[in-house]
ModelCIF file with pLDDT and N, C-alpha, C, O atoms, coordinates in Angstrom:
data_MODEL
#
_entry.id   MODEL 
#
_entity.id                         1 
_entity.type                       polymer 
_entity.pdbx_number_of_molecules   1 
#
_entity_poly.entity_id                      1 
_entity_poly.type                           'polypeptide(L)' 
_entity_poly.nstd_linkage                   no 
_entity_poly.nstd_monomer                   no 
_entity_poly.pdbx_seq_one_letter_code       
;(UNK)(UNK)(UNK)(UNK)(UNK)(UNK)(UNK)(UNK)(UNK)(UNK)(UNK)(UNK)(UNK)(UNK)(UNK)(UNK)
(UNK)(UNK)(UNK)(UNK)(UNK)(UNK)(UNK)(UNK)(UNK)(UNK)(UNK)(UNK)(UNK)(UNK)(UNK)(UNK)
(UNK)(UNK)(UNK)(UNK)(UNK)(UNK)(UNK)(UNK)(UNK)(UNK)(UNK)(UNK)(UNK)(UNK)(UNK)(UNK)
;
_entity_poly.pdbx_seq_one_letter_code_can   XXXXXXXXXXXXXXXXXXXXXXXXXXXXXXXXXXXXXXXXXXXXXXXX 
_entity_poly.pdbx_strand_id                 A 
#
loop_
_entity_poly_seq.entity_id 
_entity_poly_seq.num 
_entity_poly_seq.mon_id 
_entity_poly_seq.hetero 
1 1  UNK n 
1 2  UNK n 
1 3  UNK n 
1 4  UNK n 
1 5  UNK n 
1 6  UNK n 
1 7  UNK n 
1 8  UNK n 
1 9  UNK n 
1 10 UNK n 
1 11 UNK n 
1 12 UNK n 
1 13 UNK n 
1 14 UNK n 
1 15 UNK n 
1 16 UNK n 
1 17 UNK n 
1 18 UNK n 
1 19 UNK n 
1 20 UNK n 
1 21 UNK n 
1 22 UNK n 
1 23 UNK n 
1 24 UNK n 
1 25 UNK n 
1 26 UNK n 
1 27 UNK n 
1 28 UNK n 
1 29 UNK n 
1 30 UNK n 
1 31 UNK n 
1 32 UNK n 
1 33 UNK n 
1 34 UNK n 
1 35 UNK n 
1 36 UNK n 
1 37 UNK n 
1 38 UNK n 
1 39 UNK n 
1 40 UNK n 
1 41 UNK n 
1 42 UNK n 
1 43 UNK n 
1 44 UNK n 
1 45 UNK n 
1 46 UNK n 
1 47 UNK n 
1 48 UNK n 
#
_struct_asym.id          A 
_struct_asym.entity_id   1 
#
loop_
_ma_qa_metric.id 
_ma_qa_metric.mode 
_ma_qa_metric.name 
_ma_qa_metric.software_group_id 
_ma_qa_metric.type 
1 global pLDDT . pLDDT 
2 local  pLDDT . pLDDT 
#
_ma_qa_metric_global.metric_id      1 
_ma_qa_metric_global.metric_value   82.94 
_ma_qa_metric_global.model_id       1 
_ma_qa_metric_global.ordinal_id     1 
#
loop_
_ma_qa_metric_local.label_asym_id 
_ma_qa_metric_local.label_comp_id 
_ma_qa_metric_local.label_seq_id 
_ma_qa_metric_local.metric_id 
_ma_qa_metric_local.metric_value 
_ma_qa_metric_local.model_id 
_ma_qa_metric_local.ordinal_id 
A UNK 1  2 84.00 1 1  
A UNK 2  2 83.00 1 2  
A UNK 3  2 88.00 1 3  
A UNK 4  2 89.00 1 4  
A UNK 5  2 88.00 1 5  
A UNK 6  2 89.00 1 6  
A UNK 7  2 90.00 1 7  
A UNK 8  2 90.00 1 8  
A UNK 9  2 90.00 1 9  
A UNK 10 2 92.00 1 10 
A UNK 11 2 93.00 1 11 
A UNK 12 2 91.00 1 12 
A UNK 13 2 92.00 1 13 
A UNK 14 2 94.00 1 14 
A UNK 15 2 94.00 1 15 
A UNK 16 2 93.00 1 16 
A UNK 17 2 95.00 1 17 
A UNK 18 2 95.00 1 18 
A UNK 19 2 95.00 1 19 
A UNK 20 2 95.00 1 20 
A UNK 21 2 95.00 1 21 
A UNK 22 2 95.00 1 22 
A UNK 23 2 94.00 1 23 
A UNK 24 2 93.00 1 24 
A UNK 25 2 94.00 1 25 
A UNK 26 2 92.00 1 26 
A UNK 27 2 91.00 1 27 
A UNK 28 2 90.00 1 28 
A UNK 29 2 89.00 1 29 
A UNK 30 2 88.00 1 30 
A UNK 31 2 84.00 1 31 
A UNK 32 2 83.00 1 32 
A UNK 33 2 81.00 1 33 
A UNK 34 2 78.00 1 34 
A UNK 35 2 74.00 1 35 
A UNK 36 2 72.00 1 36 
A UNK 37 2 71.00 1 37 
A UNK 38 2 64.00 1 38 
A UNK 39 2 64.00 1 39 
A UNK 40 2 67.00 1 40 
A UNK 41 2 64.00 1 41 
A UNK 42 2 62.00 1 42 
A UNK 43 2 62.00 1 43 
A UNK 44 2 62.00 1 44 
A UNK 45 2 60.00 1 45 
A UNK 46 2 66.00 1 46 
A UNK 47 2 63.00 1 47 
A UNK 48 2 63.00 1 48 
#
loop_
_atom_site.group_PDB 
_atom_site.id 
_atom_site.type_symbol 
_atom_site.label_atom_id 
_atom_site.label_alt_id 
_atom_site.label_comp_id 
_atom_site.label_asym_id 
_atom_site.label_entity_id 
_atom_site.label_seq_id 
_atom_site.pdbx_PDB_ins_code 
_atom_site.Cartn_x 
_atom_site.Cartn_y 
_atom_site.Cartn_z 
_atom_site.occupancy 
_atom_site.B_iso_or_equiv 
_atom_site.pdbx_formal_charge 
_atom_site.auth_seq_id 
_atom_site.auth_comp_id 
_atom_site.auth_asym_id 
_atom_site.auth_atom_id 
_atom_site.pdbx_PDB_model_num 
ATOM 1   N N  . UNK A 1 1  ? 11.491 24.604  21.794  1.00 84.00 ? 1  UNK A N  1 
ATOM 2   C CA . UNK A 1 1  ? 12.196 23.241  22.285  1.00 84.00 ? 1  UNK A CA 1 
ATOM 3   C C  . UNK A 1 1  ? 13.009 22.955  20.822  1.00 84.00 ? 1  UNK A C  1 
ATOM 4   O O  . UNK A 1 1  ? 12.579 22.468  19.777  1.00 84.00 ? 1  UNK A O  1 
ATOM 5   N N  . UNK A 1 2  ? 14.191 23.393  21.130  1.00 83.00 ? 2  UNK A N  1 
ATOM 6   C CA . UNK A 1 2  ? 14.906 23.441  19.484  1.00 83.00 ? 2  UNK A CA 1 
ATOM 7   C C  . UNK A 1 2  ? 15.525 22.280  19.624  1.00 83.00 ? 2  UNK A C  1 
ATOM 8   O O  . UNK A 1 2  ? 15.785 21.892  18.485  1.00 83.00 ? 2  UNK A O  1 
ATOM 9   N N  . UNK A 1 3  ? 15.990 21.335  20.593  1.00 88.00 ? 3  UNK A N  1 
ATOM 10  C CA . UNK A 1 3  ? 16.097 19.695  20.517  1.00 88.00 ? 3  UNK A CA 1 
ATOM 11  C C  . UNK A 1 3  ? 15.009 18.928  19.851  1.00 88.00 ? 3  UNK A C  1 
ATOM 12  O O  . UNK A 1 3  ? 15.083 18.118  18.926  1.00 88.00 ? 3  UNK A O  1 
ATOM 13  N N  . UNK A 1 4  ? 13.990 19.357  20.518  1.00 89.00 ? 4  UNK A N  1 
ATOM 14  C CA . UNK A 1 4  ? 12.730 18.502  20.051  1.00 89.00 ? 4  UNK A CA 1 
ATOM 15  C C  . UNK A 1 4  ? 12.373 18.496  18.458  1.00 89.00 ? 4  UNK A C  1 
ATOM 16  O O  . UNK A 1 4  ? 12.165 17.569  17.675  1.00 89.00 ? 4  UNK A O  1 
ATOM 17  N N  . UNK A 1 5  ? 12.387 19.864  18.310  1.00 88.00 ? 5  UNK A N  1 
ATOM 18  C CA . UNK A 1 5  ? 12.209 20.273  16.678  1.00 88.00 ? 5  UNK A CA 1 
ATOM 19  C C  . UNK A 1 5  ? 13.346 19.619  15.580  1.00 88.00 ? 5  UNK A C  1 
ATOM 20  O O  . UNK A 1 5  ? 13.071 19.209  14.452  1.00 88.00 ? 5  UNK A O  1 
ATOM 21  N N  . UNK A 1 6  ? 14.408 19.629  16.078  1.00 89.00 ? 6  UNK A N  1 
ATOM 22  C CA . UNK A 1 6  ? 15.646 18.898  15.455  1.00 89.00 ? 6  UNK A CA 1 
ATOM 23  C C  . UNK A 1 6  ? 15.422 17.376  15.519  1.00 89.00 ? 6  UNK A C  1 
ATOM 24  O O  . UNK A 1 6  ? 15.894 16.659  14.637  1.00 89.00 ? 6  UNK A O  1 
ATOM 25  N N  . UNK A 1 7  ? 14.621 16.803  16.675  1.00 90.00 ? 7  UNK A N  1 
ATOM 26  C CA . UNK A 1 7  ? 14.537 15.298  16.487  1.00 90.00 ? 7  UNK A CA 1 
ATOM 27  C C  . UNK A 1 7  ? 13.182 15.287  15.707  1.00 90.00 ? 7  UNK A C  1 
ATOM 28  O O  . UNK A 1 7  ? 13.055 14.195  15.152  1.00 90.00 ? 7  UNK A O  1 
ATOM 29  N N  . UNK A 1 8  ? 12.385 15.916  15.529  1.00 90.00 ? 8  UNK A N  1 
ATOM 30  C CA . UNK A 1 8  ? 11.273 15.788  14.626  1.00 90.00 ? 8  UNK A CA 1 
ATOM 31  C C  . UNK A 1 8  ? 11.444 15.638  13.191  1.00 90.00 ? 8  UNK A C  1 
ATOM 32  O O  . UNK A 1 8  ? 10.852 14.934  12.373  1.00 90.00 ? 8  UNK A O  1 
ATOM 33  N N  . UNK A 1 9  ? 12.642 16.684  13.056  1.00 90.00 ? 9  UNK A N  1 
ATOM 34  C CA . UNK A 1 9  ? 13.075 16.915  11.692  1.00 90.00 ? 9  UNK A CA 1 
ATOM 35  C C  . UNK A 1 9  ? 13.842 15.555  11.243  1.00 90.00 ? 9  UNK A C  1 
ATOM 36  O O  . UNK A 1 9  ? 13.952 15.185  10.074  1.00 90.00 ? 9  UNK A O  1 
ATOM 37  N N  . UNK A 1 10 ? 14.306 14.937  12.283  1.00 92.00 ? 10 UNK A N  1 
ATOM 38  C CA . UNK A 1 10 ? 15.076 13.601  11.822  1.00 92.00 ? 10 UNK A CA 1 
ATOM 39  C C  . UNK A 1 10 ? 13.959 12.376  11.388  1.00 92.00 ? 10 UNK A C  1 
ATOM 40  O O  . UNK A 1 10 ? 13.971 11.514  10.510  1.00 92.00 ? 10 UNK A O  1 
ATOM 41  N N  . UNK A 1 11 ? 12.921 12.776  12.536  1.00 93.00 ? 11 UNK A N  1 
ATOM 42  C CA . UNK A 1 11 ? 11.573 11.794  12.589  1.00 93.00 ? 11 UNK A CA 1 
ATOM 43  C C  . UNK A 1 11 ? 11.067 11.926  10.998  1.00 93.00 ? 11 UNK A C  1 
ATOM 44  O O  . UNK A 1 11 ? 10.793 10.947  10.304  1.00 93.00 ? 11 UNK A O  1 
ATOM 45  N N  . UNK A 1 12 ? 11.008 13.028  10.643  1.00 91.00 ? 12 UNK A N  1 
ATOM 46  C CA . UNK A 1 12 ? 10.085 13.680  9.262   1.00 91.00 ? 12 UNK A CA 1 
ATOM 47  C C  . UNK A 1 12 ? 11.023 12.877  8.010   1.00 91.00 ? 12 UNK A C  1 
ATOM 48  O O  . UNK A 1 12 ? 10.569 12.379  6.980   1.00 91.00 ? 12 UNK A O  1 
ATOM 49  N N  . UNK A 1 13 ? 12.458 12.926  8.451   1.00 92.00 ? 13 UNK A N  1 
ATOM 50  C CA . UNK A 1 13 ? 13.376 12.205  7.234   1.00 92.00 ? 13 UNK A CA 1 
ATOM 51  C C  . UNK A 1 13 ? 13.215 10.760  7.051   1.00 92.00 ? 13 UNK A C  1 
ATOM 52  O O  . UNK A 1 13 ? 13.274 10.203  5.955   1.00 92.00 ? 13 UNK A O  1 
ATOM 53  N N  . UNK A 1 14 ? 12.989 10.123  8.282   1.00 94.00 ? 14 UNK A N  1 
ATOM 54  C CA . UNK A 1 14 ? 12.887 8.871   8.244   1.00 94.00 ? 14 UNK A CA 1 
ATOM 55  C C  . UNK A 1 14 ? 11.268 8.372   7.991   1.00 94.00 ? 14 UNK A C  1 
ATOM 56  O O  . UNK A 1 14 ? 11.056 7.240   7.557   1.00 94.00 ? 14 UNK A O  1 
ATOM 57  N N  . UNK A 1 15 ? 10.372 9.121   8.237   1.00 94.00 ? 15 UNK A N  1 
ATOM 58  C CA . UNK A 1 15 ? 9.162  8.941   7.463   1.00 94.00 ? 15 UNK A CA 1 
ATOM 59  C C  . UNK A 1 15 ? 9.128  9.094   6.146   1.00 94.00 ? 15 UNK A C  1 
ATOM 60  O O  . UNK A 1 15 ? 8.600  8.212   5.469   1.00 94.00 ? 15 UNK A O  1 
ATOM 61  N N  . UNK A 1 16 ? 9.688  10.250  5.532   1.00 93.00 ? 16 UNK A N  1 
ATOM 62  C CA . UNK A 1 16 ? 9.738  10.064  4.326   1.00 93.00 ? 16 UNK A CA 1 
ATOM 63  C C  . UNK A 1 16 ? 10.402 8.754   3.379   1.00 93.00 ? 16 UNK A C  1 
ATOM 64  O O  . UNK A 1 16 ? 9.968  8.172   2.384   1.00 93.00 ? 16 UNK A O  1 
ATOM 65  N N  . UNK A 1 17 ? 11.353 8.633   3.991   1.00 95.00 ? 17 UNK A N  1 
ATOM 66  C CA . UNK A 1 17 ? 12.400 7.548   3.141   1.00 95.00 ? 17 UNK A CA 1 
ATOM 67  C C  . UNK A 1 17 ? 11.096 6.281   3.280   1.00 95.00 ? 17 UNK A C  1 
ATOM 68  O O  . UNK A 1 17 ? 10.779 5.633   2.282   1.00 95.00 ? 17 UNK A O  1 
ATOM 69  N N  . UNK A 1 18 ? 10.618 6.116   4.244   1.00 95.00 ? 18 UNK A N  1 
ATOM 70  C CA . UNK A 1 18 ? 9.719  4.753   4.808   1.00 95.00 ? 18 UNK A CA 1 
ATOM 71  C C  . UNK A 1 18 ? 8.572  4.838   3.697   1.00 95.00 ? 18 UNK A C  1 
ATOM 72  O O  . UNK A 1 18 ? 8.209  3.862   3.040   1.00 95.00 ? 18 UNK A O  1 
ATOM 73  N N  . UNK A 1 19 ? 8.100  6.003   3.582   1.00 95.00 ? 19 UNK A N  1 
ATOM 74  C CA . UNK A 1 19 ? 6.855  6.373   2.737   1.00 95.00 ? 19 UNK A CA 1 
ATOM 75  C C  . UNK A 1 19 ? 7.384  6.038   1.024   1.00 95.00 ? 19 UNK A C  1 
ATOM 76  O O  . UNK A 1 19 ? 6.837  5.514   0.054   1.00 95.00 ? 19 UNK A O  1 
ATOM 77  N N  . UNK A 1 20 ? 8.301  6.456   1.200   1.00 95.00 ? 20 UNK A N  1 
ATOM 78  C CA . UNK A 1 20 ? 9.047  6.119   -0.552  1.00 95.00 ? 20 UNK A CA 1 
ATOM 79  C C  . UNK A 1 20 ? 9.522  4.770   -0.725  1.00 95.00 ? 20 UNK A C  1 
ATOM 80  O O  . UNK A 1 20 ? 9.761  4.330   -1.850  1.00 95.00 ? 20 UNK A O  1 
ATOM 81  N N  . UNK A 1 21 ? 9.634  4.258   0.060   1.00 95.00 ? 21 UNK A N  1 
ATOM 82  C CA . UNK A 1 21 ? 9.944  2.720   -0.140  1.00 95.00 ? 21 UNK A CA 1 
ATOM 83  C C  . UNK A 1 21 ? 8.495  1.958   -0.484  1.00 95.00 ? 21 UNK A C  1 
ATOM 84  O O  . UNK A 1 21 ? 8.263  1.127   -1.362  1.00 95.00 ? 21 UNK A O  1 
ATOM 85  N N  . UNK A 1 22 ? 7.561  2.566   0.568   1.00 95.00 ? 22 UNK A N  1 
ATOM 86  C CA . UNK A 1 22 ? 6.287  2.071   0.313   1.00 95.00 ? 22 UNK A CA 1 
ATOM 87  C C  . UNK A 1 22 ? 5.485  2.153   -0.972  1.00 95.00 ? 22 UNK A C  1 
ATOM 88  O O  . UNK A 1 22 ? 4.769  1.278   -1.457  1.00 95.00 ? 22 UNK A O  1 
ATOM 89  N N  . UNK A 1 23 ? 5.694  3.153   -1.349  1.00 94.00 ? 23 UNK A N  1 
ATOM 90  C CA . UNK A 1 23 ? 5.306  3.874   -2.467  1.00 94.00 ? 23 UNK A CA 1 
ATOM 91  C C  . UNK A 1 23 ? 6.062  2.881   -3.734  1.00 94.00 ? 23 UNK A C  1 
ATOM 92  O O  . UNK A 1 23 ? 5.471  2.261   -4.618  1.00 94.00 ? 23 UNK A O  1 
ATOM 93  N N  . UNK A 1 24 ? 7.410  2.956   -3.514  1.00 93.00 ? 24 UNK A N  1 
ATOM 94  C CA . UNK A 1 24 ? 8.071  2.140   -4.284  1.00 93.00 ? 24 UNK A CA 1 
ATOM 95  C C  . UNK A 1 24 ? 7.026  0.446   -4.441  1.00 93.00 ? 24 UNK A C  1 
ATOM 96  O O  . UNK A 1 24 ? 6.511  -0.012  -5.461  1.00 93.00 ? 24 UNK A O  1 
ATOM 97  N N  . UNK A 1 25 ? 7.023  0.073   -3.526  1.00 94.00 ? 25 UNK A N  1 
ATOM 98  C CA . UNK A 1 25 ? 6.279  -1.332  -3.558  1.00 94.00 ? 25 UNK A CA 1 
ATOM 99  C C  . UNK A 1 25 ? 5.100  -1.117  -4.293  1.00 94.00 ? 25 UNK A C  1 
ATOM 100 O O  . UNK A 1 25 ? 5.033  -1.759  -5.341  1.00 94.00 ? 25 UNK A O  1 
ATOM 101 N N  . UNK A 1 26 ? 4.100  -0.345  -4.004  1.00 92.00 ? 26 UNK A N  1 
ATOM 102 C CA . UNK A 1 26 ? 3.132  -0.210  -4.518  1.00 92.00 ? 26 UNK A CA 1 
ATOM 103 C C  . UNK A 1 26 ? 3.223  0.205   -6.189  1.00 92.00 ? 26 UNK A C  1 
ATOM 104 O O  . UNK A 1 26 ? 2.419  -0.041  -7.089  1.00 92.00 ? 26 UNK A O  1 
ATOM 105 N N  . UNK A 1 27 ? 4.221  0.759   -6.218  1.00 91.00 ? 27 UNK A N  1 
ATOM 106 C CA . UNK A 1 27 ? 4.480  0.768   -8.105  1.00 91.00 ? 27 UNK A CA 1 
ATOM 107 C C  . UNK A 1 27 ? 4.754  -0.179  -8.667  1.00 91.00 ? 27 UNK A C  1 
ATOM 108 O O  . UNK A 1 27 ? 4.399  -0.313  -9.838  1.00 91.00 ? 27 UNK A O  1 
ATOM 109 N N  . UNK A 1 28 ? 5.535  -1.220  -7.960  1.00 90.00 ? 28 UNK A N  1 
ATOM 110 C CA . UNK A 1 28 ? 5.670  -2.515  -8.487  1.00 90.00 ? 28 UNK A CA 1 
ATOM 111 C C  . UNK A 1 28 ? 4.516  -3.362  -8.776  1.00 90.00 ? 28 UNK A C  1 
ATOM 112 O O  . UNK A 1 28 ? 4.251  -4.050  -9.762  1.00 90.00 ? 28 UNK A O  1 
ATOM 113 N N  . UNK A 1 29 ? 3.848  -3.134  -7.603  1.00 89.00 ? 29 UNK A N  1 
ATOM 114 C CA . UNK A 1 29 ? 2.474  -4.054  -7.622  1.00 89.00 ? 29 UNK A CA 1 
ATOM 115 C C  . UNK A 1 29 ? 1.497  -3.599  -9.007  1.00 89.00 ? 29 UNK A C  1 
ATOM 116 O O  . UNK A 1 29 ? 0.813  -4.386  -9.662  1.00 89.00 ? 29 UNK A O  1 
ATOM 117 N N  . UNK A 1 30 ? 1.607  -2.417  -9.202  1.00 88.00 ? 30 UNK A N  1 
ATOM 118 C CA . UNK A 1 30 ? 0.943  -1.609  -10.048 1.00 88.00 ? 30 UNK A CA 1 
ATOM 119 C C  . UNK A 1 30 ? 0.981  -2.157  -11.159 1.00 88.00 ? 30 UNK A C  1 
ATOM 120 O O  . UNK A 1 30 ? 0.038  -2.568  -11.835 1.00 88.00 ? 30 UNK A O  1 
ATOM 121 N N  . UNK A 1 31 ? 2.605  -2.185  -11.477 1.00 84.00 ? 31 UNK A N  1 
ATOM 122 C CA . UNK A 1 31 ? 3.543  -2.670  -12.885 1.00 84.00 ? 31 UNK A CA 1 
ATOM 123 C C  . UNK A 1 31 ? 3.197  -3.869  -13.089 1.00 84.00 ? 31 UNK A C  1 
ATOM 124 O O  . UNK A 1 31 ? 3.030  -4.172  -14.270 1.00 84.00 ? 31 UNK A O  1 
ATOM 125 N N  . UNK A 1 32 ? 3.004  -4.797  -12.179 1.00 83.00 ? 32 UNK A N  1 
ATOM 126 C CA . UNK A 1 32 ? 2.955  -6.651  -12.283 1.00 83.00 ? 32 UNK A CA 1 
ATOM 127 C C  . UNK A 1 32 ? 1.864  -6.618  -12.836 1.00 83.00 ? 32 UNK A C  1 
ATOM 128 O O  . UNK A 1 32 ? 1.841  -7.300  -13.861 1.00 83.00 ? 32 UNK A O  1 
ATOM 129 N N  . UNK A 1 33 ? 0.407  -5.816  -12.454 1.00 81.00 ? 33 UNK A N  1 
ATOM 130 C CA . UNK A 1 33 ? -0.627 -6.016  -12.829 1.00 81.00 ? 33 UNK A CA 1 
ATOM 131 C C  . UNK A 1 33 ? -0.745 -5.281  -14.362 1.00 81.00 ? 33 UNK A C  1 
ATOM 132 O O  . UNK A 1 33 ? -1.555 -5.679  -15.199 1.00 81.00 ? 33 UNK A O  1 
ATOM 133 N N  . UNK A 1 34 ? -0.015 -4.396  -14.546 1.00 78.00 ? 34 UNK A N  1 
ATOM 134 C CA . UNK A 1 34 ? -0.258 -3.552  -16.079 1.00 78.00 ? 34 UNK A CA 1 
ATOM 135 C C  . UNK A 1 34 ? 0.655  -4.806  -16.960 1.00 78.00 ? 34 UNK A C  1 
ATOM 136 O O  . UNK A 1 34 ? 0.449  -4.980  -18.162 1.00 78.00 ? 34 UNK A O  1 
ATOM 137 N N  . UNK A 1 35 ? 1.555  -5.536  -16.276 1.00 74.00 ? 35 UNK A N  1 
ATOM 138 C CA . UNK A 1 35 ? 2.507  -6.283  -17.424 1.00 74.00 ? 35 UNK A CA 1 
ATOM 139 C C  . UNK A 1 35 ? 1.630  -7.565  -17.806 1.00 74.00 ? 35 UNK A C  1 
ATOM 140 O O  . UNK A 1 35 ? 1.524  -8.094  -18.913 1.00 74.00 ? 35 UNK A O  1 
ATOM 141 N N  . UNK A 1 36 ? 1.034  -7.921  -16.605 1.00 72.00 ? 36 UNK A N  1 
ATOM 142 C CA . UNK A 1 36 ? -0.059 -9.027  -16.965 1.00 72.00 ? 36 UNK A CA 1 
ATOM 143 C C  . UNK A 1 36 ? -1.090 -8.755  -18.141 1.00 72.00 ? 36 UNK A C  1 
ATOM 144 O O  . UNK A 1 36 ? -1.333 -9.651  -18.949 1.00 72.00 ? 36 UNK A O  1 
ATOM 145 N N  . UNK A 1 37 ? -1.629 -7.643  -18.220 1.00 71.00 ? 37 UNK A N  1 
ATOM 146 C CA . UNK A 1 37 ? -2.504 -7.087  -18.967 1.00 71.00 ? 37 UNK A CA 1 
ATOM 147 C C  . UNK A 1 37 ? -2.040 -7.044  -20.145 1.00 71.00 ? 37 UNK A C  1 
ATOM 148 O O  . UNK A 1 37 ? -2.815 -7.406  -21.030 1.00 71.00 ? 37 UNK A O  1 
ATOM 149 N N  . UNK A 1 38 ? -0.715 -6.617  -20.529 1.00 64.00 ? 38 UNK A N  1 
ATOM 150 C CA . UNK A 1 38 ? 0.020  -6.469  -21.465 1.00 64.00 ? 38 UNK A CA 1 
ATOM 151 C C  . UNK A 1 38 ? 0.490  -7.757  -22.262 1.00 64.00 ? 38 UNK A C  1 
ATOM 152 O O  . UNK A 1 38 ? 0.635  -7.861  -23.480 1.00 64.00 ? 38 UNK A O  1 
ATOM 153 N N  . UNK A 1 39 ? 0.707  -8.771  -21.219 1.00 64.00 ? 39 UNK A N  1 
ATOM 154 C CA . UNK A 1 39 ? 1.036  -9.893  -21.719 1.00 64.00 ? 39 UNK A CA 1 
ATOM 155 C C  . UNK A 1 39 ? -0.401 -10.790 -22.285 1.00 64.00 ? 39 UNK A C  1 
ATOM 156 O O  . UNK A 1 39 ? -0.380 -11.745 -23.061 1.00 64.00 ? 39 UNK A O  1 
ATOM 157 N N  . UNK A 1 40 ? -1.453 -10.247 -21.730 1.00 67.00 ? 40 UNK A N  1 
ATOM 158 C CA . UNK A 1 40 ? -2.733 -11.329 -22.459 1.00 67.00 ? 40 UNK A CA 1 
ATOM 159 C C  . UNK A 1 40 ? -3.109 -10.594 -23.546 1.00 67.00 ? 40 UNK A C  1 
ATOM 160 O O  . UNK A 1 40 ? -3.896 -11.145 -24.315 1.00 67.00 ? 40 UNK A O  1 
ATOM 161 N N  . UNK A 1 41 ? -2.715 -9.398  -23.823 1.00 64.00 ? 41 UNK A N  1 
ATOM 162 C CA . UNK A 1 41 ? -3.382 -8.795  -25.220 1.00 64.00 ? 41 UNK A CA 1 
ATOM 163 C C  . UNK A 1 41 ? -2.318 -9.010  -26.175 1.00 64.00 ? 41 UNK A C  1 
ATOM 164 O O  . UNK A 1 41 ? -2.638 -8.847  -27.353 1.00 64.00 ? 41 UNK A O  1 
ATOM 165 N N  . UNK A 1 42 ? -0.698 -9.458  -25.840 1.00 62.00 ? 42 UNK A N  1 
ATOM 166 C CA . UNK A 1 42 ? -0.141 -9.234  -27.015 1.00 62.00 ? 42 UNK A CA 1 
ATOM 167 C C  . UNK A 1 42 ? -0.326 -10.762 -27.572 1.00 62.00 ? 42 UNK A C  1 
ATOM 168 O O  . UNK A 1 42 ? -0.816 -11.723 -26.979 1.00 62.00 ? 42 UNK A O  1 
ATOM 169 N N  . UNK A 1 43 ? 0.274  -10.684 -29.030 1.00 62.00 ? 43 UNK A N  1 
ATOM 170 C CA . UNK A 1 43 ? 0.306  -11.871 -29.687 1.00 62.00 ? 43 UNK A CA 1 
ATOM 171 C C  . UNK A 1 43 ? 1.165  -13.037 -29.338 1.00 62.00 ? 43 UNK A C  1 
ATOM 172 O O  . UNK A 1 43 ? 0.794  -14.207 -29.437 1.00 62.00 ? 43 UNK A O  1 
ATOM 173 N N  . UNK A 1 44 ? 2.290  -12.662 -28.941 1.00 62.00 ? 44 UNK A N  1 
ATOM 174 C CA . UNK A 1 44 ? 2.876  -14.212 -28.304 1.00 62.00 ? 44 UNK A CA 1 
ATOM 175 C C  . UNK A 1 44 ? 2.904  -14.485 -26.964 1.00 62.00 ? 44 UNK A C  1 
ATOM 176 O O  . UNK A 1 44 ? 3.694  -15.260 -26.425 1.00 62.00 ? 44 UNK A O  1 
ATOM 177 N N  . UNK A 1 45 ? 1.705  -13.602 -26.212 1.00 60.00 ? 45 UNK A N  1 
ATOM 178 C CA . UNK A 1 45 ? 1.644  -13.684 -24.920 1.00 60.00 ? 45 UNK A CA 1 
ATOM 179 C C  . UNK A 1 45 ? 2.813  -13.617 -24.210 1.00 60.00 ? 45 UNK A C  1 
ATOM 180 O O  . UNK A 1 45 ? 3.129  -14.540 -23.459 1.00 60.00 ? 45 UNK A O  1 
ATOM 181 N N  . UNK A 1 46 ? 3.580  -12.524 -24.365 1.00 66.00 ? 46 UNK A N  1 
ATOM 182 C CA . UNK A 1 46 ? 4.663  -11.781 -23.499 1.00 66.00 ? 46 UNK A CA 1 
ATOM 183 C C  . UNK A 1 46 ? 4.496  -10.223 -23.630 1.00 66.00 ? 46 UNK A C  1 
ATOM 184 O O  . UNK A 1 46 ? 4.174  -9.492  -24.567 1.00 66.00 ? 46 UNK A O  1 
ATOM 185 N N  . UNK A 1 47 ? 4.825  -10.015 -22.377 1.00 63.00 ? 47 UNK A N  1 
ATOM 186 C CA . UNK A 1 47 ? 4.896  -8.090  -22.304 1.00 63.00 ? 47 UNK A CA 1 
ATOM 187 C C  . UNK A 1 47 ? 5.880  -7.583  -23.325 1.00 63.00 ? 47 UNK A C  1 
ATOM 188 O O  . UNK A 1 47 ? 6.923  -8.198  -23.551 1.00 63.00 ? 47 UNK A O  1 
ATOM 189 N N  . UNK A 1 48 ? 5.622  -6.689  -23.821 1.00 63.00 ? 48 UNK A N  1 
ATOM 190 C CA . UNK A 1 48 ? 6.827  -6.204  -24.481 1.00 63.00 ? 48 UNK A CA 1 
ATOM 191 C C  . UNK A 1 48 ? 7.643  -5.212  -23.617 1.00 63.00 ? 48 UNK A C  1 
ATOM 192 O O  . UNK A 1 48 ? 8.686  -4.725  -24.055 1.00 63.00 ? 48 UNK A O  1 
#
């Protein structure tokens, strides 16, 4: 079914975008944790 496969291709692209943004958010949370750790061990209490 060519129409169905084309629809699945669009579906795959949409899922890819949503997953990219979900992983962008996960990376933000990871960097926030790392930023807090860097601030803790720095001399002035601020992240470099």
